[in-house]
Amino acid sequence: LIDLGMKLNADKTIASNDIIKSSIKADKRYW
């Protein structure tokens, strides 16, 4: 991405070992 003038969003880079939970966005889980 850097070579193409773009970059990853560090604030939205999130890792998890709970794939089921992280598959559903936080706003939807809350609702």
All heavy atoms as atom14 arrays in JSON, in Angstrom:
{
  "sequence": "LIDLGMKLNADKTIASNDIIKSSIKADKRYW",
  "atom14_mask": [
    [1, 1, 1, 1, 1, 1, 1, 1, 0, 0, 0, 0, 0, 0],
    [1, 1, 1, 1, 1, 1, 1, 1, 0, 0, 0, 0, 0, 0],
    [1, 1, 1, 1, 1, 1, 1, 1, 0, 0, 0, 0, 0, 0],
    [1, 1, 1, 1, 1, 1, 1, 1, 0, 0, 0, 0, 0, 0],
    [1, 1, 1, 1, 0, 0, 0, 0, 0, 0, 0, 0, 0, 0],
    [1, 1, 1, 1, 1, 1, 1, 1, 0, 0, 0, 0, 0, 0],
    [1, 1, 1, 1, 1, 1, 1, 1, 1, 0, 0, 0, 0, 0],
    [1, 1, 1, 1, 1, 1, 1, 1, 0, 0, 0, 0, 0, 0],
    [1, 1, 1, 1, 1, 1, 1, 1, 0, 0, 0, 0, 0, 0],
    [1, 1, 1, 1, 1, 0, 0, 0, 0, 0, 0, 0, 0, 0],
    [1, 1, 1, 1, 1, 1, 1, 1, 0, 0, 0, 0, 0, 0],
    [1, 1, 1, 1, 1, 1, 1, 1, 1, 0, 0, 0, 0, 0],
    [1, 1, 1, 1, 1, 1, 1, 0, 0, 0, 0, 0, 0, 0],
    [1, 1, 1, 1, 1, 1, 1, 1, 0, 0, 0, 0, 0, 0],
    [1, 1, 1, 1, 1, 0, 0, 0, 0, 0, 0, 0, 0, 0],
    [1, 1, 1, 1, 1, 1, 0, 0, 0, 0, 0, 0, 0, 0],
    [1, 1, 1, 1, 1, 1, 1, 1, 0, 0, 0, 0, 0, 0],
    [1, 1, 1, 1, 1, 1, 1, 1, 0, 0, 0, 0, 0, 0],
    [1, 1, 1, 1, 1, 1, 1, 1, 0, 0, 0, 0, 0, 0],
    [1, 1, 1, 1, 1, 1, 1, 1, 0, 0, 0, 0, 0, 0],
    [1, 1, 1, 1, 1, 1, 1, 1, 1, 0, 0, 0, 0, 0],
    [1, 1, 1, 1, 1, 1, 0, 0, 0, 0, 0, 0, 0, 0],
    [1, 1, 1, 1, 1, 1, 0, 0, 0, 0, 0, 0, 0, 0],
    [1, 1, 1, 1, 1, 1, 1, 1, 0, 0, 0, 0, 0, 0],
    [1, 1, 1, 1, 1, 1, 1, 1, 1, 0, 0, 0, 0, 0],
    [1, 1, 1, 1, 1, 0, 0, 0, 0, 0, 0, 0, 0, 0],
    [1, 1, 1, 1, 1, 1, 1, 1, 0, 0, 0, 0, 0, 0],
    [1, 1, 1, 1, 1, 1, 1, 1, 1, 0, 0, 0, 0, 0],
    [1, 1, 1, 1, 1, 1, 1, 1, 1, 1, 1, 0, 0, 0],
    [1, 1, 1, 1, 1, 1, 1, 1, 1, 1, 1, 1, 0, 0],
    [1, 1, 1, 1, 1, 1, 1, 1, 1, 1, 1, 1, 1, 1]
  ],
  "atom14_positions": [
    [[0.82, -1.22, 0.0], [0.0, 0.0, 0.0], [0.85, 1.26, 0.0], [0.52, 2.24, -0.67], [-0.94, -0.01, 1.22], [-2.05, -1.06, 1.2], [-2.78, -1.1, 2.54], [-3.04, -0.78, 0.07], [0.0, 0.0, 0.0], [0.0, 0.0, 0.0], [0.0, 0.0, 0.0], [0.0, 0.0, 0.0], [0.0, 0.0, 0.0], [0.0, 0.0, 0.0]],
    [[1.94, 1.24, 0.75], [2.82, 2.41, 0.8], [3.35, 2.74, -0.59], [3.43, 3.9, -0.99], [3.99, 2.15, 1.79], [3.47, 2.22, 3.23], [5.11, 3.18, 1.59], [4.49, 1.76, 4.26], [0.0, 0.0, 0.0], [0.0, 0.0, 0.0], [0.0, 0.0, 0.0], [0.0, 0.0, 0.0], [0.0, 0.0, 0.0], [0.0, 0.0, 0.0]],
    [[3.7, 1.73, -1.36], [4.19, 1.92, -2.72], [3.13, 2.54, -3.63], [3.45, 3.15, -4.65], [4.65, 0.58, -3.3], [5.42, 0.75, -4.61], [6.29, 1.64, -4.67], [5.13, 0.0, -5.56], [0.0, 0.0, 0.0], [0.0, 0.0, 0.0], [0.0, 0.0, 0.0], [0.0, 0.0, 0.0], [0.0, 0.0, 0.0], [0.0, 0.0, 0.0]],
    [[1.83, 2.4, -3.23], [0.73, 2.95, -4.01], [0.17, 4.23, -3.39], [-0.88, 4.72, -3.79], [-0.38, 1.91, -4.14], [-0.01, 0.62, -4.88], [-1.13, -0.41, -4.77], [0.28, 0.92, -6.34], [0.0, 0.0, 0.0], [0.0, 0.0, 0.0], [0.0, 0.0, 0.0], [0.0, 0.0, 0.0], [0.0, 0.0, 0.0], [0.0, 0.0, 0.0]],
    [[0.87, 4.76, -2.39], [0.45, 6.01, -1.77], [-0.59, 5.85, -0.68], [-1.17, 6.85, -0.22], [0.0, 0.0, 0.0], [0.0, 0.0, 0.0], [0.0, 0.0, 0.0], [0.0, 0.0, 0.0], [0.0, 0.0, 0.0], [0.0, 0.0, 0.0], [0.0, 0.0, 0.0], [0.0, 0.0, 0.0], [0.0, 0.0, 0.0], [0.0, 0.0, 0.0]],
    [[-0.85, 4.62, -0.24], [-1.86, 4.37, 0.79], [-1.22, 3.76, 2.03], [-0.06, 3.35, 2.0], [-2.94, 3.45, 0.23], [-3.71, 4.03, -0.94], [-5.03, 2.94, -1.55], [-4.08, 1.8, -2.56], [0.0, 0.0, 0.0], [0.0, 0.0, 0.0], [0.0, 0.0, 0.0], [0.0, 0.0, 0.0], [0.0, 0.0, 0.0], [0.0, 0.0, 0.0]],
    [[-1.99, 3.71, 3.12], [-1.46, 3.08, 4.33], [-2.6, 2.5, 5.15], [-3.76, 2.93, 5.06], [-0.69, 4.1, 5.17], [-1.51, 5.26, 5.69], [-0.65, 6.22, 6.5], [-1.47, 7.39, 7.05], [-0.66, 8.32, 7.84], [0.0, 0.0, 0.0], [0.0, 0.0, 0.0], [0.0, 0.0, 0.0], [0.0, 0.0, 0.0], [0.0, 0.0, 0.0]],
    [[-2.24, 1.5, 5.96], [-3.23, 0.88, 6.84], [-3.57, 1.8, 7.99], [-2.75, 2.62, 8.44], [-2.69, -0.45, 7.37], [-2.55, -1.58, 6.36], [-1.99, -2.83, 7.03], [-3.89, -1.9, 5.7], [0.0, 0.0, 0.0], [0.0, 0.0, 0.0], [0.0, 0.0, 0.0], [0.0, 0.0, 0.0], [0.0, 0.0, 0.0], [0.0, 0.0, 0.0]],
    [[-4.78, 1.65, 8.48], [-5.28, 2.45, 9.6], [-4.92, 1.75, 10.91], [-5.53, 0.76, 11.28], [-6.79, 2.61, 9.47], [-7.36, 3.6, 10.46], [-6.77, 3.86, 11.51], [-8.51, 4.15, 10.13], [0.0, 0.0, 0.0], [0.0, 0.0, 0.0], [0.0, 0.0, 0.0], [0.0, 0.0, 0.0], [0.0, 0.0, 0.0], [0.0, 0.0, 0.0]],
    [[-3.91, 2.28, 11.6], [-3.44, 1.64, 12.83], [-4.53, 1.57, 13.89], [-4.63, 0.6, 14.64], [-2.22, 2.4, 13.37], [0.0, 0.0, 0.0], [0.0, 0.0, 0.0], [0.0, 0.0, 0.0], [0.0, 0.0, 0.0], [0.0, 0.0, 0.0], [0.0, 0.0, 0.0], [0.0, 0.0, 0.0], [0.0, 0.0, 0.0], [0.0, 0.0, 0.0]],
    [[-5.39, 2.6, 13.93], [-6.43, 2.64, 14.95], [-7.5, 1.58, 14.74], [-8.23, 1.21, 15.67], [-7.1, 4.02, 14.98], [-6.15, 5.11, 15.46], [-5.19, 4.77, 16.18], [-6.36, 6.29, 15.11], [0.0, 0.0, 0.0], [0.0, 0.0, 0.0], [0.0, 0.0, 0.0], [0.0, 0.0, 0.0], [0.0, 0.0, 0.0], [0.0, 0.0, 0.0]],
    [[-7.64, 1.11, 13.5], [-8.66, 0.11, 13.2], [-8.07, -1.27, 12.91], [-8.76, -2.14, 12.4], [-9.51, 0.58, 12.01], [-10.39, 1.78, 12.33], [-11.33, 2.09, 11.18], [-12.26, 3.25, 11.52], [-13.18, 3.55, 10.4], [0.0, 0.0, 0.0], [0.0, 0.0, 0.0], [0.0, 0.0, 0.0], [0.0, 0.0, 0.0], [0.0, 0.0, 0.0]],
    [[-6.8, -1.45, 13.25], [-6.17, -2.75, 13.1], [-6.3, -3.5, 14.41], [-5.69, -3.13, 15.41], [-4.7, -2.61, 12.69], [-4.63, -1.91, 11.43], [-4.03, -3.96, 12.56], [0.0, 0.0, 0.0], [0.0, 0.0, 0.0], [0.0, 0.0, 0.0], [0.0, 0.0, 0.0], [0.0, 0.0, 0.0], [0.0, 0.0, 0.0], [0.0, 0.0, 0.0]],
    [[-7.13, -4.53, 14.4], [-7.48, -5.26, 15.63], [-7.32, -6.75, 15.38], [-7.81, -7.28, 14.37], [-8.92, -4.95, 16.07], [-9.1, -3.44, 16.29], [-9.29, -5.72, 17.33], [-10.54, -3.02, 16.45], [0.0, 0.0, 0.0], [0.0, 0.0, 0.0], [0.0, 0.0, 0.0], [0.0, 0.0, 0.0], [0.0, 0.0, 0.0], [0.0, 0.0, 0.0]],
    [[-6.68, -7.43, 16.31], [-6.49, -8.88, 16.2], [-7.31, -9.59, 17.28], [-7.57, -9.03, 18.35], [-5.02, -9.22, 16.35], [0.0, 0.0, 0.0], [0.0, 0.0, 0.0], [0.0, 0.0, 0.0], [0.0, 0.0, 0.0], [0.0, 0.0, 0.0], [0.0, 0.0, 0.0], [0.0, 0.0, 0.0], [0.0, 0.0, 0.0], [0.0, 0.0, 0.0]],
    [[-7.7, -10.82, 16.96], [-8.51, -11.58, 17.92], [-8.36, -13.07, 17.69], [-8.18, -13.52, 16.55], [-9.99, -11.19, 17.78], [-10.79, -11.99, 18.62], [0.0, 0.0, 0.0], [0.0, 0.0, 0.0], [0.0, 0.0, 0.0], [0.0, 0.0, 0.0], [0.0, 0.0, 0.0], [0.0, 0.0, 0.0], [0.0, 0.0, 0.0], [0.0, 0.0, 0.0]],
    [[-8.42, -13.83, 18.79], [-8.47, -15.28, 18.66], [-9.89, -15.8, 18.88], [-10.1, -17.0, 19.01], [-7.48, -15.95, 19.62], [-7.75, -15.57, 21.08], [-8.76, -14.94, 21.38], [-6.83, -15.95, 21.95], [0.0, 0.0, 0.0], [0.0, 0.0, 0.0], [0.0, 0.0, 0.0], [0.0, 0.0, 0.0], [0.0, 0.0, 0.0], [0.0, 0.0, 0.0]],
    [[-10.86, -14.87, 18.96], [-12.28, -15.23, 19.04], [-12.93, -14.82, 17.72], [-13.46, -13.72, 17.57], [-12.94, -14.51, 20.22], [-14.37, -14.98, 20.47], [-14.99, -15.51, 19.52], [-14.87, -14.81, 21.6], [0.0, 0.0, 0.0], [0.0, 0.0, 0.0], [0.0, 0.0, 0.0], [0.0, 0.0, 0.0], [0.0, 0.0, 0.0], [0.0, 0.0, 0.0]],
    [[-12.88, -15.7, 16.75], [-13.33, -15.36, 15.4], [-14.83, -15.11, 15.36], [-15.29, -14.19, 14.68], [-12.92, -16.47, 14.4], [-11.38, -16.49, 14.27], [-13.56, -16.24, 13.04], [-10.86, -17.57, 13.34], [0.0, 0.0, 0.0], [0.0, 0.0, 0.0], [0.0, 0.0, 0.0], [0.0, 0.0, 0.0], [0.0, 0.0, 0.0], [0.0, 0.0, 0.0]],
    [[-15.61, -15.9, 16.07], [-17.07, -15.72, 16.06], [-17.44, -14.33, 16.56], [-18.19, -13.58, 15.9], [-17.76, -16.79, 16.91], [-17.52, -18.19, 16.32], [-19.26, -16.5, 17.03], [-18.16, -18.43, 14.98], [0.0, 0.0, 0.0], [0.0, 0.0, 0.0], [0.0, 0.0, 0.0], [0.0, 0.0, 0.0], [0.0, 0.0, 0.0], [0.0, 0.0, 0.0]],
    [[-16.92, -13.95, 17.7], [-17.26, -12.65, 18.29], [-16.8, -11.5, 17.41], [-17.53, -10.53, 17.18], [-16.65, -12.53, 19.68], [-17.03, -11.25, 20.42], [-16.44, -11.24, 21.81], [-16.82, -9.95, 22.55], [-16.25, -9.93, 23.92], [0.0, 0.0, 0.0], [0.0, 0.0, 0.0], [0.0, 0.0, 0.0], [0.0, 0.0, 0.0], [0.0, 0.0, 0.0]],
    [[-15.58, -11.61, 16.89], [-15.04, -10.51, 16.1], [-15.64, -10.45, 14.7], [-15.48, -9.46, 13.99], [-13.52, -10.63, 16.0], [-13.16, -11.79, 15.27], [0.0, 0.0, 0.0], [0.0, 0.0, 0.0], [0.0, 0.0, 0.0], [0.0, 0.0, 0.0], [0.0, 0.0, 0.0], [0.0, 0.0, 0.0], [0.0, 0.0, 0.0], [0.0, 0.0, 0.0]],
    [[-16.35, -11.51, 14.29], [-17.01, -11.49, 12.97], [-18.17, -10.52, 12.94], [-18.55, -10.03, 11.87], [-17.52, -12.9, 12.62], [-16.44, -13.79, 12.45], [0.0, 0.0, 0.0], [0.0, 0.0, 0.0], [0.0, 0.0, 0.0], [0.0, 0.0, 0.0], [0.0, 0.0, 0.0], [0.0, 0.0, 0.0], [0.0, 0.0, 0.0], [0.0, 0.0, 0.0]],
    [[-18.74, -10.26, 14.1], [-19.9, -9.35, 14.2], [-19.4, -8.01, 14.71], [-18.74, -7.93, 15.75], [-20.96, -9.92, 15.16], [-21.35, -11.34, 14.73], [-22.19, -9.02, 15.2], [-22.18, -12.08, 15.75], [0.0, 0.0, 0.0], [0.0, 0.0, 0.0], [0.0, 0.0, 0.0], [0.0, 0.0, 0.0], [0.0, 0.0, 0.0], [0.0, 0.0, 0.0]],
    [[-19.72, -6.95, 14.0], [-19.23, -5.63, 14.38], [-19.75, -5.24, 15.76], [-20.83, -5.64, 16.18], [-19.63, -4.59, 13.34], [-18.85, -4.74, 12.03], [-18.84, -3.46, 11.25], [-17.81, -3.51, 10.13], [-17.63, -2.23, 9.47], [0.0, 0.0, 0.0], [0.0, 0.0, 0.0], [0.0, 0.0, 0.0], [0.0, 0.0, 0.0], [0.0, 0.0, 0.0]],
    [[-18.95, -4.41, 16.45], [-19.25, -4.07, 17.84], [-20.62, -3.43, 18.01], [-21.32, -3.69, 19.0], [-18.15, -3.15, 18.38], [0.0, 0.0, 0.0], [0.0, 0.0, 0.0], [0.0, 0.0, 0.0], [0.0, 0.0, 0.0], [0.0, 0.0, 0.0], [0.0, 0.0, 0.0], [0.0, 0.0, 0.0], [0.0, 0.0, 0.0], [0.0, 0.0, 0.0]],
    [[-21.02, -2.58, 17.07], [-22.32, -1.91, 17.18], [-23.46, -2.92, 17.09], [-24.47, -2.82, 17.8], [-22.47, -0.82, 16.12], [-22.24, -1.34, 14.7], [-21.18, -1.92, 14.46], [-23.13, -1.16, 13.84], [0.0, 0.0, 0.0], [0.0, 0.0, 0.0], [0.0, 0.0, 0.0], [0.0, 0.0, 0.0], [0.0, 0.0, 0.0], [0.0, 0.0, 0.0]],
    [[-23.29, -3.91, 16.22], [-24.33, -4.93, 16.08], [-24.38, -5.83, 17.31], [-25.46, -6.22, 17.78], [-24.07, -5.75, 14.82], [-25.2, -6.7, 14.47], [-24.98, -7.3, 13.1], [-26.15, -8.18, 12.7], [-25.98, -8.73, 11.35], [0.0, 0.0, 0.0], [0.0, 0.0, 0.0], [0.0, 0.0, 0.0], [0.0, 0.0, 0.0], [0.0, 0.0, 0.0]],
    [[-23.2, -6.17, 17.87], [-23.16, -6.98, 19.09], [-23.87, -6.25, 20.23], [-24.65, -6.85, 20.97], [-21.71, -7.28, 19.5], [-20.97, -8.2, 18.56], [-19.78, -8.85, 19.27], [-18.89, -7.89, 19.9], [-17.82, -7.37, 19.31], [-17.52, -7.73, 18.06], [-17.04, -6.52, 19.95], [0.0, 0.0, 0.0], [0.0, 0.0, 0.0], [0.0, 0.0, 0.0]],
    [[-23.59, -4.97, 20.35], [-24.21, -4.17, 21.41], [-25.73, -4.19, 21.27], [-26.47, -4.36, 22.26], [-23.69, -2.74, 21.35], [-24.41, -1.77, 22.28], [-24.0, -1.62, 23.6], [-25.51, -1.03, 21.84], [-24.66, -0.75, 24.46], [-26.18, -0.16, 22.68], [-25.75, -0.03, 23.99], [-26.41, 0.83, 24.83], [0.0, 0.0, 0.0], [0.0, 0.0, 0.0]],
    [[-26.22, -4.03, 20.03], [-27.67, -3.98, 19.8], [-28.31, -5.34, 20.1], [-29.37, -5.39, 20.73], [-27.95, -3.56, 18.36], [-29.4, -3.34, 18.06], [-30.2, -4.07, 17.24], [-30.22, -2.29, 18.59], [-31.47, -3.54, 17.21], [-31.52, -2.45, 18.03], [-29.99, -1.23, 19.46], [-32.57, -1.6, 18.32], [-31.05, -0.37, 19.76], [-32.32, -0.56, 19.2]]
  ]
}
